[in-house]
Protein backbone atom coordinates (compact mmCIF):
# COMPACT_ATOMS: atom_id res chain seq x y z
CA MET A 1 -27.84 4.78 -6.84
CA MET A 2 -25.52 7.28 -8.55
CA ASP A 3 -24.59 8.72 -5.14
CA LYS A 4 -23.52 5.28 -3.96
CA VAL A 5 -21.43 4.73 -7.09
CA SER A 6 -19.90 8.19 -6.75
CA ASN A 7 -19.15 7.62 -3.06
CA PHE A 8 -17.60 4.25 -3.84
CA LYS A 9 -15.37 5.75 -6.53
CA LYS A 10 -14.25 8.53 -4.20
CA ALA A 11 -13.51 6.08 -1.40
CA SER A 12 -11.56 3.72 -3.65
CA GLU A 13 -9.57 6.63 -5.11
CA SER A 14 -8.78 7.83 -1.58
CA TYR A 15 -7.63 4.34 -0.55
CA ASP A 16 -5.50 4.03 -3.69
CA LYS A 17 -3.94 7.43 -2.96
CA LEU A 18 -3.23 6.40 0.64
CA ILE A 19 -1.42 3.26 -0.53
CA ASN A 20 0.56 5.16 -3.14
CA ASP A 21 1.50 7.98 -0.76
CA TYR A 22 2.62 5.57 1.93
CA ALA A 23 4.65 3.55 -0.59
CA ILE A 24 6.46 6.72 -1.65
CA GLU A 25 7.00 7.65 2.00
CA LEU A 26 8.58 4.24 2.67
CA LEU A 27 10.81 4.59 -0.38
CA ASP A 28 11.97 7.98 0.88
CA GLU A 29 12.58 6.63 4.37
CA PHE A 30 14.49 3.48 3.37
CA ASN A 31 16.07 4.75 0.12
CA SER A 32 15.49 1.25 -1.21
CA ASN A 33 12.48 -0.54 -2.56
CA LYS A 34 13.87 -3.85 -1.35
CA LYS A 35 14.37 -2.55 2.20
CA ALA A 36 10.89 -1.04 2.25
CA ARG A 37 9.37 -4.37 1.21
CA ALA A 38 11.47 -6.20 3.82
CA PHE A 39 10.14 -3.80 6.46
CA LEU A 40 6.57 -4.54 5.39
CA GLN A 41 7.21 -8.30 5.42
CA GLU A 42 8.49 -7.94 8.97
CA GLN A 43 5.34 -6.04 9.93
CA LEU A 44 3.28 -8.77 8.31
CA ALA A 45 4.95 -11.37 10.50
CA ASN A 46 4.24 -9.29 13.61
CA THR A 47 0.50 -8.82 13.18
CA ALA A 48 -2.47 -11.13 13.24
CA LYS A 49 -5.17 -8.73 12.06
CA PRO A 50 -6.56 -9.72 8.63
CA GLU A 51 -7.20 -6.07 7.73
CA THR A 52 -3.57 -5.20 8.39
CA HIS A 53 -2.43 -8.20 6.37
CA GLU A 54 -4.51 -7.02 3.43
CA PHE A 55 -3.13 -3.48 3.66
CA ILE A 56 0.46 -4.75 3.84
CA PHE A 57 -0.15 -7.07 0.90
CA LEU A 58 -1.41 -4.12 -1.16
CA MET A 59 1.57 -2.02 -0.08
CA VAL A 60 4.05 -4.72 -1.12
CA LYS A 61 2.25 -5.09 -4.44
CA ARG A 62 2.45 -1.32 -5.03
CA LEU A 63 6.15 -1.27 -4.21
CA GLU A 64 6.70 -4.16 -6.65
CA GLN A 65 4.87 -2.19 -9.34
CA ILE A 66 7.07 0.83 -8.66
CA ALA A 67 10.19 -1.34 -8.93
CA LEU A 68 9.06 -2.82 -12.24
CA ASN A 69 8.34 0.63 -13.67
CA GLN A 70 11.80 1.99 -12.87
């Protein structure tokens, strides 16, 4: 059971790092949090996959957190 918990923690930390790294990459690319979020909203409108929607939602949420912390 501990292996499953450990594996879950590692996977969730990796996913969190992926979201954070991509958010930072978007900020670097667009030089604007607002423009990065607009780009993601556009991508959201152009996809029907629920998994992609969830990822984009998490990305927008992370960018909002970054904006609030600045």
